[in-house]
Amino acid sequence: MDWSVAREVNADYYLVERRIGEKGEFRIVSDRIKANGNSNNVNFYTFLDRDISESGVYYYRIRQVDTDERFSYSKIVSVQNLGEYNISVFPNPARFDANITLHLSDESNVKIELMDASSRILQLISKTHLAQAGEHTFALNLNELTAGVYTIAITVNDQVMYRKLIKID
């Protein structure tokens, strides 16, 4: 998270606060970030939130605390965390068969398609279905395909990710 302040008057420090979802309370997620105090220049600050393991919408705001302990808040911004997906295609290049392994951090809707170079769908590897959190492996039969480069489209909760697959003779 990056932010800038155009002018600081008696600013002491900043705190980054976060809540997950619409309900709940904001909690401080940063150490004190020292302000420049009094400045008419634009000052830039940054904070990296490393604790975002839960999927959902994260809401953030900045609390500016002055030297007299009075404080004010920034506007609230939101960030959508869709969870983590580890995707691997193996072997690659492949001759007869390949496997797609997908690791889901949360229960998700999944669809997997194999496409040629012109984005024409050749195989529906997995129609849209609700998959539990965890590791899933999908087998891919390459016997009917000619040698070349193919694209695998993996859709997880409306987010599409692509992987290349090379078919060899």
N, C-alpha and C. Protein backbone atom coordinates (compact mmCIF):
# COMPACT_ATOMS: atom_id res chain seq x y z
N MET A 1 0.86 -1.16 0.00
CA MET A 1 0.00 0.00 0.00
C MET A 1 0.90 1.22 0.00
N ASP A 2 0.65 2.11 -0.94
CA ASP A 2 1.40 3.35 -1.04
C ASP A 2 0.44 4.51 -0.88
N TRP A 3 0.89 5.57 -0.25
CA TRP A 3 0.09 6.79 -0.18
C TRP A 3 1.03 7.98 -0.13
N SER A 4 0.46 9.13 -0.43
CA SER A 4 1.24 10.36 -0.37
C SER A 4 0.45 11.41 0.38
N VAL A 5 1.18 12.35 0.95
CA VAL A 5 0.59 13.44 1.71
C VAL A 5 1.14 14.73 1.12
N ALA A 6 0.26 15.62 0.69
CA ALA A 6 0.70 16.86 0.05
C ALA A 6 1.27 17.86 1.04
N ARG A 7 0.75 17.85 2.25
CA ARG A 7 1.18 18.81 3.26
C ARG A 7 1.02 18.18 4.64
N GLU A 8 2.02 18.29 5.46
CA GLU A 8 1.94 17.77 6.84
C GLU A 8 2.15 18.92 7.82
N VAL A 9 1.25 19.00 8.80
CA VAL A 9 1.36 20.00 9.86
C VAL A 9 1.28 19.26 11.18
N ASN A 10 2.38 19.27 11.94
CA ASN A 10 2.47 18.60 13.25
C ASN A 10 2.19 17.11 13.18
N ALA A 11 2.42 16.49 12.05
CA ALA A 11 2.20 15.06 11.91
C ALA A 11 3.31 14.31 12.63
N ASP A 12 2.94 13.32 13.46
CA ASP A 12 3.92 12.53 14.20
C ASP A 12 4.17 11.18 13.53
N TYR A 13 3.08 10.41 13.29
CA TYR A 13 3.22 9.10 12.67
C TYR A 13 1.91 8.67 12.03
N TYR A 14 2.01 7.57 11.27
CA TYR A 14 0.85 6.98 10.62
C TYR A 14 0.71 5.53 11.07
N LEU A 15 -0.54 5.07 11.12
CA LEU A 15 -0.85 3.67 11.37
C LEU A 15 -1.76 3.18 10.24
N VAL A 16 -1.49 1.98 9.75
CA VAL A 16 -2.36 1.38 8.75
C VAL A 16 -3.33 0.47 9.49
N GLU A 17 -4.61 0.65 9.20
CA GLU A 17 -5.66 -0.16 9.82
C GLU A 17 -6.38 -0.94 8.74
N ARG A 18 -6.86 -2.14 9.11
CA ARG A 18 -7.50 -3.03 8.15
C ARG A 18 -8.66 -3.76 8.80
N ARG A 19 -9.65 -4.04 8.00
CA ARG A 19 -10.72 -4.97 8.38
C ARG A 19 -10.96 -5.87 7.20
N ILE A 20 -11.45 -7.07 7.47
CA ILE A 20 -11.75 -8.03 6.42
C ILE A 20 -13.27 -8.16 6.33
N GLY A 21 -13.80 -7.91 5.16
CA GLY A 21 -15.24 -8.01 4.95
C GLY A 21 -15.95 -6.75 5.39
N GLU A 22 -17.26 -6.74 5.14
CA GLU A 22 -18.09 -5.58 5.45
C GLU A 22 -18.26 -5.36 6.95
N LYS A 23 -18.24 -6.43 7.70
CA LYS A 23 -18.48 -6.32 9.14
C LYS A 23 -17.16 -6.43 9.87
N GLY A 24 -17.18 -6.15 11.10
CA GLY A 24 -15.97 -6.24 11.89
C GLY A 24 -15.37 -4.87 12.11
N GLU A 25 -14.34 -4.87 12.92
CA GLU A 25 -13.71 -3.62 13.29
C GLU A 25 -12.37 -3.48 12.60
N PHE A 26 -11.96 -2.24 12.40
CA PHE A 26 -10.62 -1.99 11.89
C PHE A 26 -9.62 -2.31 12.99
N ARG A 27 -8.52 -2.94 12.60
CA ARG A 27 -7.43 -3.27 13.52
C ARG A 27 -6.14 -2.72 12.94
N ILE A 28 -5.25 -2.30 13.80
CA ILE A 28 -3.96 -1.79 13.39
C ILE A 28 -3.12 -2.95 12.89
N VAL A 29 -2.54 -2.82 11.68
CA VAL A 29 -1.74 -3.90 11.10
C VAL A 29 -0.30 -3.46 10.82
N SER A 30 0.04 -2.23 11.17
CA SER A 30 1.41 -1.74 10.93
C SER A 30 2.03 -1.27 12.24
N ASP A 31 3.34 -1.18 12.23
CA ASP A 31 4.05 -0.45 13.27
C ASP A 31 3.86 1.03 12.99
N ARG A 32 4.30 1.88 13.89
CA ARG A 32 4.26 3.31 13.63
C ARG A 32 5.15 3.63 12.44
N ILE A 33 4.60 4.40 11.53
CA ILE A 33 5.36 4.86 10.37
C ILE A 33 5.61 6.34 10.59
N LYS A 34 6.85 6.68 10.85
CA LYS A 34 7.23 8.04 11.22
C LYS A 34 6.89 9.03 10.11
N ALA A 35 6.20 10.11 10.48
CA ALA A 35 5.88 11.18 9.53
C ALA A 35 7.04 12.17 9.46
N ASN A 36 7.02 13.00 8.45
CA ASN A 36 8.06 14.01 8.30
C ASN A 36 7.80 15.24 9.16
N GLY A 37 6.68 15.30 9.84
CA GLY A 37 6.41 16.39 10.79
C GLY A 37 5.71 17.56 10.16
N ASN A 38 6.46 18.57 9.79
CA ASN A 38 5.92 19.76 9.14
C ASN A 38 6.57 19.88 7.77
N SER A 39 5.73 19.85 6.74
CA SER A 39 6.29 19.88 5.39
C SER A 39 5.25 20.39 4.42
N ASN A 40 5.70 21.20 3.49
CA ASN A 40 4.83 21.65 2.40
C ASN A 40 5.10 20.85 1.13
N ASN A 41 6.02 19.89 1.21
CA ASN A 41 6.35 19.03 0.08
C ASN A 41 5.47 17.79 0.08
N VAL A 42 5.38 17.15 -1.07
CA VAL A 42 4.66 15.88 -1.14
C VAL A 42 5.56 14.81 -0.54
N ASN A 43 5.04 14.06 0.44
CA ASN A 43 5.78 12.98 1.09
C ASN A 43 5.11 11.66 0.74
N PHE A 44 5.95 10.65 0.46
CA PHE A 44 5.46 9.35 0.03
C PHE A 44 5.75 8.32 1.13
N TYR A 45 4.77 7.43 1.35
CA TYR A 45 4.89 6.39 2.37
C TYR A 45 4.45 5.06 1.76
N THR A 46 4.92 3.98 2.37
CA THR A 46 4.54 2.66 1.88
C THR A 46 4.44 1.67 3.03
N PHE A 47 3.56 0.69 2.87
CA PHE A 47 3.39 -0.39 3.84
C PHE A 47 2.98 -1.64 3.06
N LEU A 48 3.60 -2.77 3.37
CA LEU A 48 3.26 -4.04 2.72
C LEU A 48 2.57 -4.94 3.74
N ASP A 49 1.32 -5.27 3.48
CA ASP A 49 0.55 -6.15 4.37
C ASP A 49 0.85 -7.59 3.99
N ARG A 50 1.57 -8.29 4.83
CA ARG A 50 1.98 -9.67 4.54
C ARG A 50 1.02 -10.71 5.14
N ASP A 51 -0.03 -10.27 5.80
CA ASP A 51 -0.95 -11.18 6.46
C ASP A 51 -2.31 -11.15 5.75
N ILE A 52 -2.34 -11.65 4.52
CA ILE A 52 -3.59 -11.64 3.76
C ILE A 52 -3.93 -13.05 3.29
N SER A 53 -3.86 -14.01 4.19
CA SER A 53 -4.08 -15.40 3.83
C SER A 53 -5.55 -15.73 3.58
N GLU A 54 -6.45 -14.98 4.17
CA GLU A 54 -7.88 -15.23 4.02
C GLU A 54 -8.37 -14.55 2.74
N SER A 55 -9.16 -15.25 1.92
CA SER A 55 -9.69 -14.58 0.75
C SER A 55 -10.90 -13.74 1.13
N GLY A 56 -11.19 -12.75 0.31
CA GLY A 56 -12.29 -11.83 0.56
C GLY A 56 -11.86 -10.40 0.28
N VAL A 57 -12.69 -9.46 0.74
CA VAL A 57 -12.41 -8.05 0.53
C VAL A 57 -11.74 -7.50 1.79
N TYR A 58 -10.59 -6.85 1.57
CA TYR A 58 -9.85 -6.20 2.65
C TYR A 58 -10.06 -4.69 2.53
N TYR A 59 -10.40 -4.06 3.65
CA TYR A 59 -10.59 -2.61 3.68
C TYR A 59 -9.45 -2.00 4.49
N TYR A 60 -8.87 -0.92 3.95
CA TYR A 60 -7.75 -0.26 4.61
C TYR A 60 -8.05 1.22 4.80
N ARG A 61 -7.47 1.78 5.86
CA ARG A 61 -7.47 3.22 6.05
C ARG A 61 -6.18 3.59 6.79
N ILE A 62 -5.78 4.83 6.66
CA ILE A 62 -4.58 5.34 7.32
C ILE A 62 -5.01 6.27 8.45
N ARG A 63 -4.45 6.05 9.61
CA ARG A 63 -4.68 6.96 10.73
C ARG A 63 -3.44 7.85 10.87
N GLN A 64 -3.64 9.16 10.70
CA GLN A 64 -2.56 10.12 10.90
C GLN A 64 -2.67 10.64 12.32
N VAL A 65 -1.60 10.46 13.09
CA VAL A 65 -1.58 10.91 14.48
C VAL A 65 -0.65 12.11 14.56
N ASP A 66 -1.15 13.19 15.14
CA ASP A 66 -0.37 14.42 15.29
C ASP A 66 0.45 14.39 16.57
N THR A 67 1.34 15.37 16.70
CA THR A 67 2.21 15.45 17.89
C THR A 67 1.40 15.67 19.16
N ASP A 68 0.20 16.23 19.06
CA ASP A 68 -0.66 16.42 20.24
C ASP A 68 -1.62 15.25 20.45
N GLU A 69 -1.38 14.13 19.76
CA GLU A 69 -2.16 12.88 19.83
C GLU A 69 -3.53 12.96 19.17
N ARG A 70 -3.89 14.07 18.57
CA ARG A 70 -5.13 14.11 17.78
C ARG A 70 -4.88 13.31 16.51
N PHE A 71 -5.94 12.77 15.96
CA PHE A 71 -5.76 11.96 14.75
C PHE A 71 -6.91 12.16 13.78
N SER A 72 -6.65 11.76 12.55
CA SER A 72 -7.67 11.79 11.50
C SER A 72 -7.45 10.56 10.62
N TYR A 73 -8.49 10.21 9.85
CA TYR A 73 -8.42 9.03 9.00
C TYR A 73 -8.45 9.42 7.52
N SER A 74 -7.81 8.59 6.73
CA SER A 74 -7.89 8.73 5.28
C SER A 74 -9.21 8.14 4.82
N LYS A 75 -9.48 8.26 3.53
CA LYS A 75 -10.63 7.55 2.98
C LYS A 75 -10.33 6.05 3.01
N ILE A 76 -11.36 5.24 3.01
CA ILE A 76 -11.21 3.79 3.05
C ILE A 76 -11.06 3.27 1.62
N VAL A 77 -10.09 2.39 1.42
CA VAL A 77 -9.91 1.74 0.12
C VAL A 77 -10.09 0.24 0.30
N SER A 78 -10.51 -0.43 -0.76
CA SER A 78 -10.74 -1.87 -0.67
C SER A 78 -9.85 -2.60 -1.67
N VAL A 79 -9.47 -3.82 -1.28
CA VAL A 79 -8.68 -4.70 -2.13
C VAL A 79 -9.32 -6.08 -2.08
N GLN A 80 -9.56 -6.67 -3.26
CA GLN A 80 -10.15 -8.02 -3.34
C GLN A 80 -9.03 -9.04 -3.37
N ASN A 81 -9.01 -9.96 -2.40
CA ASN A 81 -8.05 -11.06 -2.39
C ASN A 81 -8.80 -12.31 -2.82
N LEU A 82 -8.43 -12.84 -3.98
CA LEU A 82 -9.12 -14.00 -4.53
C LEU A 82 -8.55 -15.33 -4.05
N GLY A 83 -7.58 -15.27 -3.17
CA GLY A 83 -6.96 -16.51 -2.71
C GLY A 83 -5.77 -16.85 -3.57
N GLU A 84 -5.12 -17.93 -3.25
CA GLU A 84 -3.93 -18.32 -3.99
C GLU A 84 -4.21 -19.58 -4.80
N TYR A 85 -3.63 -19.59 -5.99
CA TYR A 85 -3.76 -20.74 -6.86
C TYR A 85 -2.37 -21.13 -7.34
N ASN A 86 -1.96 -22.33 -7.06
CA ASN A 86 -0.73 -22.87 -7.63
C ASN A 86 -1.15 -23.79 -8.75
N ILE A 87 -0.61 -23.52 -9.94
CA ILE A 87 -0.96 -24.30 -11.11
C ILE A 87 0.31 -24.84 -11.73
N SER A 88 0.33 -26.14 -12.02
CA SER A 88 1.48 -26.70 -12.73
C SER A 88 0.96 -27.64 -13.82
N VAL A 89 1.71 -27.68 -14.93
CA VAL A 89 1.40 -28.56 -16.05
C VAL A 89 2.64 -29.43 -16.26
N PHE A 90 2.45 -30.76 -16.20
CA PHE A 90 3.60 -31.66 -16.32
C PHE A 90 3.18 -32.97 -16.96
N PRO A 91 4.04 -33.66 -17.66
CA PRO A 91 5.31 -33.12 -18.17
C PRO A 91 5.02 -32.06 -19.22
N ASN A 92 5.96 -31.22 -19.46
CA ASN A 92 5.81 -30.15 -20.43
C ASN A 92 7.18 -29.78 -20.96
N PRO A 93 7.52 -30.17 -22.17
CA PRO A 93 6.71 -30.72 -23.25
C PRO A 93 6.23 -32.14 -22.94
N ALA A 94 5.15 -32.52 -23.63
CA ALA A 94 4.55 -33.83 -23.41
C ALA A 94 4.29 -34.52 -24.74
N ARG A 95 4.24 -35.84 -24.68
CA ARG A 95 4.02 -36.61 -25.90
C ARG A 95 2.60 -37.18 -25.96
N PHE A 96 2.20 -37.96 -24.95
CA PHE A 96 0.91 -38.65 -24.98
C PHE A 96 -0.09 -38.11 -23.97
N ASP A 97 0.40 -37.82 -22.79
CA ASP A 97 -0.47 -37.37 -21.69
C ASP A 97 0.20 -36.20 -20.97
N ALA A 98 -0.62 -35.42 -20.31
CA ALA A 98 -0.12 -34.36 -19.42
C ALA A 98 -1.07 -34.29 -18.24
N ASN A 99 -0.61 -33.69 -17.17
CA ASN A 99 -1.42 -33.49 -15.98
C ASN A 99 -1.42 -32.02 -15.61
N ILE A 100 -2.55 -31.56 -15.14
CA ILE A 100 -2.67 -30.20 -14.63
C ILE A 100 -2.97 -30.34 -13.15
N THR A 101 -2.11 -29.76 -12.33
CA THR A 101 -2.34 -29.77 -10.89
C THR A 101 -2.70 -28.36 -10.46
N LEU A 102 -3.78 -28.25 -9.73
CA LEU A 102 -4.30 -26.96 -9.27
C LEU A 102 -4.47 -27.03 -7.76
N HIS A 103 -3.84 -26.10 -7.06
CA HIS A 103 -4.01 -26.02 -5.60
C HIS A 103 -4.88 -24.81 -5.29
N LEU A 104 -5.99 -25.05 -4.59
CA LEU A 104 -6.93 -23.99 -4.23
C LEU A 104 -6.85 -23.71 -2.73
N SER A 105 -6.78 -22.44 -2.37
CA SER A 105 -6.75 -22.09 -0.94
C SER A 105 -8.16 -22.07 -0.36
N ASP A 106 -9.18 -21.93 -1.22
CA ASP A 106 -10.57 -21.89 -0.77
C ASP A 106 -11.44 -22.68 -1.74
N GLU A 107 -12.63 -23.05 -1.33
CA GLU A 107 -13.61 -23.66 -2.21
C GLU A 107 -13.85 -22.71 -3.37
N SER A 108 -13.80 -23.20 -4.60
CA SER A 108 -13.88 -22.32 -5.77
C SER A 108 -14.59 -23.00 -6.93
N ASN A 109 -15.15 -22.19 -7.82
CA ASN A 109 -15.68 -22.70 -9.07
C ASN A 109 -14.53 -22.79 -10.06
N VAL A 110 -14.38 -23.95 -10.69
CA VAL A 110 -13.24 -24.22 -11.57
C VAL A 110 -13.73 -24.72 -12.92
N LYS A 111 -13.08 -24.22 -13.99
CA LYS A 111 -13.30 -24.74 -15.35
C LYS A 111 -11.94 -24.73 -16.04
N ILE A 112 -11.64 -25.80 -16.82
CA ILE A 112 -10.35 -25.90 -17.51
C ILE A 112 -10.60 -26.29 -18.97
N GLU A 113 -9.98 -25.52 -19.89
CA GLU A 113 -10.14 -25.75 -21.32
C GLU A 113 -8.78 -25.78 -21.99
N LEU A 114 -8.67 -26.57 -23.07
CA LEU A 114 -7.46 -26.62 -23.89
C LEU A 114 -7.78 -25.93 -25.21
N MET A 115 -6.91 -24.98 -25.62
CA MET A 115 -7.15 -24.20 -26.83
C MET A 115 -5.95 -24.29 -27.77
N ASP A 116 -6.23 -24.12 -29.05
CA ASP A 116 -5.15 -24.09 -30.03
C ASP A 116 -4.61 -22.66 -30.16
N ALA A 117 -3.70 -22.44 -31.13
CA ALA A 117 -3.05 -21.14 -31.29
C ALA A 117 -4.03 -20.03 -31.67
N SER A 118 -5.17 -20.38 -32.25
CA SER A 118 -6.16 -19.36 -32.61
C SER A 118 -7.26 -19.23 -31.55
N SER A 119 -7.00 -19.75 -30.35
CA SER A 119 -7.92 -19.67 -29.20
C SER A 119 -9.22 -20.44 -29.42
N ARG A 120 -9.19 -21.43 -30.28
CA ARG A 120 -10.34 -22.31 -30.48
C ARG A 120 -10.29 -23.40 -29.42
N ILE A 121 -11.39 -23.63 -28.73
CA ILE A 121 -11.43 -24.64 -27.67
C ILE A 121 -11.43 -26.02 -28.31
N LEU A 122 -10.42 -26.82 -27.95
CA LEU A 122 -10.28 -28.17 -28.47
C LEU A 122 -10.84 -29.21 -27.51
N GLN A 123 -10.63 -28.98 -26.22
CA GLN A 123 -11.09 -29.93 -25.20
C GLN A 123 -11.59 -29.17 -23.99
N LEU A 124 -12.70 -29.64 -23.46
CA LEU A 124 -13.17 -29.16 -22.17
C LEU A 124 -12.64 -30.17 -21.15
N ILE A 125 -11.56 -29.80 -20.50
CA ILE A 125 -10.90 -30.72 -19.57
C ILE A 125 -11.73 -30.89 -18.31
N SER A 126 -12.32 -29.80 -17.85
CA SER A 126 -13.19 -29.85 -16.67
C SER A 126 -14.25 -28.78 -16.82
N LYS A 127 -15.53 -29.20 -16.90
CA LYS A 127 -16.59 -28.20 -16.96
C LYS A 127 -16.68 -27.49 -15.61
N THR A 128 -17.34 -26.36 -15.59
CA THR A 128 -17.43 -25.57 -14.36
C THR A 128 -18.04 -26.42 -13.24
N HIS A 129 -17.32 -26.50 -12.14
CA HIS A 129 -17.80 -27.25 -10.98
C HIS A 129 -17.24 -26.62 -9.71
N LEU A 130 -17.87 -26.89 -8.60
CA LEU A 130 -17.41 -26.40 -7.31
C LEU A 130 -16.36 -27.36 -6.76
N ALA A 131 -15.15 -26.87 -6.59
CA ALA A 131 -14.05 -27.70 -6.10
C ALA A 131 -13.69 -27.27 -4.69
N GLN A 132 -13.43 -28.24 -3.84
CA GLN A 132 -13.04 -27.97 -2.46
C GLN A 132 -11.62 -27.42 -2.40
N ALA A 133 -11.28 -26.76 -1.30
CA ALA A 133 -9.91 -26.30 -1.09
C ALA A 133 -9.00 -27.52 -1.08
N GLY A 134 -7.80 -27.36 -1.61
CA GLY A 134 -6.83 -28.45 -1.65
C GLY A 134 -6.27 -28.65 -3.04
N GLU A 135 -5.62 -29.79 -3.25
CA GLU A 135 -4.97 -30.06 -4.52
C GLU A 135 -5.84 -30.93 -5.41
N HIS A 136 -5.91 -30.56 -6.68
CA HIS A 136 -6.71 -31.29 -7.67
C HIS A 136 -5.84 -31.56 -8.89
N THR A 137 -5.92 -32.78 -9.44
CA THR A 137 -5.15 -33.12 -10.63
C THR A 137 -6.13 -33.51 -11.74
N PHE A 138 -5.87 -32.97 -12.93
CA PHE A 138 -6.70 -33.23 -14.11
C PHE A 138 -5.82 -33.85 -15.18
N ALA A 139 -6.26 -34.98 -15.73
CA ALA A 139 -5.50 -35.68 -16.77
C ALA A 139 -5.88 -35.13 -18.13
N LEU A 140 -4.89 -35.06 -19.00
CA LEU A 140 -5.09 -34.52 -20.33
C LEU A 140 -4.53 -35.51 -21.35
N ASN A 141 -5.38 -36.03 -22.22
CA ASN A 141 -4.97 -36.97 -23.26
C ASN A 141 -4.58 -36.17 -24.51
N LEU A 142 -3.35 -36.35 -24.96
CA LEU A 142 -2.82 -35.58 -26.09
C LEU A 142 -2.76 -36.38 -27.39
N ASN A 143 -3.24 -37.62 -27.40
CA ASN A 143 -3.12 -38.50 -28.56
C ASN A 143 -3.72 -37.92 -29.83
N GLU A 144 -4.80 -37.18 -29.75
CA GLU A 144 -5.49 -36.65 -30.93
C GLU A 144 -4.89 -35.33 -31.42
N LEU A 145 -3.91 -34.79 -30.70
CA LEU A 145 -3.35 -33.49 -31.06
C LEU A 145 -2.09 -33.64 -31.89
N THR A 146 -1.88 -32.70 -32.79
CA THR A 146 -0.64 -32.64 -33.55
C THR A 146 0.40 -31.90 -32.73
N ALA A 147 1.67 -32.07 -33.09
CA ALA A 147 2.74 -31.37 -32.37
C ALA A 147 2.53 -29.86 -32.51
N GLY A 148 2.77 -29.14 -31.42
CA GLY A 148 2.60 -27.69 -31.44
C GLY A 148 2.46 -27.12 -30.05
N VAL A 149 2.16 -25.85 -30.01
CA VAL A 149 1.99 -25.14 -28.74
C VAL A 149 0.50 -24.91 -28.51
N TYR A 150 0.04 -25.25 -27.33
CA TYR A 150 -1.36 -25.12 -26.95
C TYR A 150 -1.47 -24.26 -25.69
N THR A 151 -2.66 -23.75 -25.46
CA THR A 151 -2.92 -22.94 -24.27
C THR A 151 -3.97 -23.62 -23.42
N ILE A 152 -3.70 -23.67 -22.12
CA ILE A 152 -4.67 -24.19 -21.17
C ILE A 152 -5.25 -22.98 -20.43
N ALA A 153 -6.57 -22.83 -20.47
CA ALA A 153 -7.26 -21.74 -19.77
C ALA A 153 -7.87 -22.32 -18.51
N ILE A 154 -7.44 -21.83 -17.36
CA ILE A 154 -7.96 -22.28 -16.07
C ILE A 154 -8.76 -21.13 -15.48
N THR A 155 -10.06 -21.33 -15.32
CA THR A 155 -10.92 -20.30 -14.76
C THR A 155 -11.26 -20.69 -13.32
N VAL A 156 -10.92 -19.81 -12.39
CA VAL A 156 -11.22 -20.01 -10.98
C VAL A 156 -12.00 -18.79 -10.50
N ASN A 157 -13.26 -18.99 -10.16
CA ASN A 157 -14.12 -17.89 -9.69
C ASN A 157 -14.05 -16.67 -10.61
N ASP A 158 -14.23 -16.87 -11.90
CA ASP A 158 -14.24 -15.80 -12.91
C ASP A 158 -12.88 -15.17 -13.17
N GLN A 159 -11.82 -15.66 -12.57
CA GLN A 159 -10.47 -15.19 -12.87
C GLN A 159 -9.83 -16.23 -13.79
N VAL A 160 -9.37 -15.79 -14.97
CA VAL A 160 -8.80 -16.71 -15.95
C VAL A 160 -7.29 -16.62 -15.94
N MET A 161 -6.64 -17.78 -15.84
CA MET A 161 -5.18 -17.88 -15.88
C MET A 161 -4.82 -18.81 -17.02
N TYR A 162 -3.69 -18.54 -17.67
CA TYR A 162 -3.29 -19.30 -18.84
C TYR A 162 -1.94 -19.97 -18.61
N ARG A 163 -1.80 -21.19 -19.14
CA ARG A 163 -0.53 -21.91 -19.13
C ARG A 163 -0.32 -22.48 -20.53
N LYS A 164 0.93 -22.48 -20.95
CA LYS A 164 1.29 -23.06 -22.24
C LYS A 164 1.60 -24.54 -22.07
N LEU A 165 1.28 -25.31 -23.11
CA LEU A 165 1.59 -26.73 -23.16
C LEU A 165 2.18 -27.02 -24.53
N ILE A 166 3.32 -27.66 -24.55
CA ILE A 166 3.97 -28.03 -25.80
C ILE A 166 3.76 -29.52 -26.04
N LYS A 167 3.18 -29.87 -27.20
CA LYS A 167 2.96 -31.26 -27.59
C LYS A 167 4.07 -31.63 -28.58
N ILE A 168 4.79 -32.71 -28.29
CA ILE A 168 5.85 -33.18 -29.18
C ILE A 168 5.47 -34.53 -29.75
N ASP A 169 6.10 -34.91 -30.88
CA ASP A 169 5.87 -36.24 -31.48
C ASP A 169 6.86 -37.23 -30.92
